[in-house]
Amino acid sequence: MPVTALLKQSSLQIRVHTGTDEKGNAIVRTRTFRSVKTAALDEDLYAVGLALAGLQMHPVESVSRMNEVQLEAE
């Protein structure tokens, strides 16, 4: 049975290192920016992520796009 994935929502996530715990392990927090236009190009979203990363006071680990899809049978 063929299935199609319909893109419903996108969000931008920036993971930052906020420090270390008592054992020396990195503490990583995620900053999420919701309601990203689903038609936005990955390159444009990455550029925005880098611009926002420059405003963070903590070192940035990664910039990610999270997509929510709805699966439907054809």
Protein backbone atom coordinates (compact mmCIF):
# COMPACT_ATOMS: atom_id res chain seq x y z
CA MET A 1 0.00 0.00 0.00
CA PRO A 2 1.58 3.34 -1.05
CA VAL A 3 1.76 5.99 1.64
CA THR A 4 2.28 9.72 1.19
CA ALA A 5 3.73 12.07 3.78
CA LEU A 6 2.06 15.48 4.03
CA LEU A 7 4.21 18.14 5.67
CA LYS A 8 2.15 19.73 8.48
CA GLN A 9 4.57 21.81 10.60
CA SER A 10 8.23 22.81 10.81
CA SER A 11 10.34 24.19 13.60
CA LEU A 12 13.95 25.34 13.97
CA GLN A 13 16.02 23.92 16.83
CA ILE A 14 19.34 25.23 18.10
CA ARG A 15 21.25 23.06 20.59
CA VAL A 16 23.59 24.97 22.93
CA HIS A 17 26.10 23.93 25.60
CA THR A 18 25.13 25.70 28.81
CA GLY A 19 27.87 24.27 31.03
CA THR A 20 28.92 21.04 32.71
CA ASP A 21 27.46 18.98 35.52
CA GLU A 22 29.32 17.81 38.64
CA LYS A 23 30.72 14.81 36.71
CA GLY A 24 32.10 16.98 33.92
CA ASN A 25 29.43 16.00 31.37
CA ALA A 26 28.21 18.68 29.00
CA ILE A 27 24.77 20.16 29.69
CA VAL A 28 22.98 20.72 26.39
CA ARG A 29 19.78 22.74 26.02
CA THR A 30 17.56 23.09 22.99
CA ARG A 31 16.10 26.40 21.83
CA THR A 32 13.04 25.77 19.64
CA PHE A 33 11.50 28.29 17.27
CA ARG A 34 8.08 27.07 16.14
CA SER A 35 5.77 28.04 13.28
CA VAL A 36 8.42 28.00 10.58
CA LYS A 37 6.90 28.19 7.12
CA THR A 38 6.83 24.69 5.68
CA ALA A 39 7.80 26.08 2.26
CA ALA A 40 11.03 27.62 3.63
CA LEU A 41 14.15 26.24 1.98
CA ASP A 42 16.61 24.31 4.15
CA GLU A 43 19.42 26.68 3.14
CA ASP A 44 17.41 29.73 4.21
CA LEU A 45 16.42 28.13 7.50
CA TYR A 46 20.05 27.21 8.17
CA ALA A 47 21.11 30.81 7.50
CA VAL A 48 18.52 32.05 9.99
CA GLY A 49 19.71 29.44 12.48
CA LEU A 50 23.29 30.65 12.14
CA ALA A 51 22.17 34.26 12.62
CA LEU A 52 20.27 33.28 15.78
CA ALA A 53 23.25 31.19 16.93
CA GLY A 54 25.35 34.35 16.82
CA LEU A 55 23.00 35.91 19.36
CA GLN A 56 23.37 33.05 21.86
CA MET A 57 25.64 33.52 24.85
CA HIS A 58 26.48 29.78 24.91
CA PRO A 59 28.39 27.78 22.27
CA VAL A 60 26.11 26.27 19.61
CA GLU A 61 26.31 22.51 18.98
CA SER A 62 23.88 22.21 16.08
CA VAL A 63 21.14 23.83 14.01
CA SER A 64 18.28 21.49 13.01
CA ARG A 65 14.98 21.54 11.23
CA MET A 66 12.20 19.41 12.70
CA ASN A 67 9.34 18.46 10.40
CA GLU A 68 6.02 16.97 11.45
CA VAL A 69 4.34 14.93 8.74
CA GLN A 70 0.97 13.25 8.48
CA LEU A 71 1.00 9.84 6.82
CA GLU A 72 -1.91 8.91 4.57
CA ALA A 73 -2.65 5.90 2.42
CA GLU A 74 -3.19 6.67 -1.26
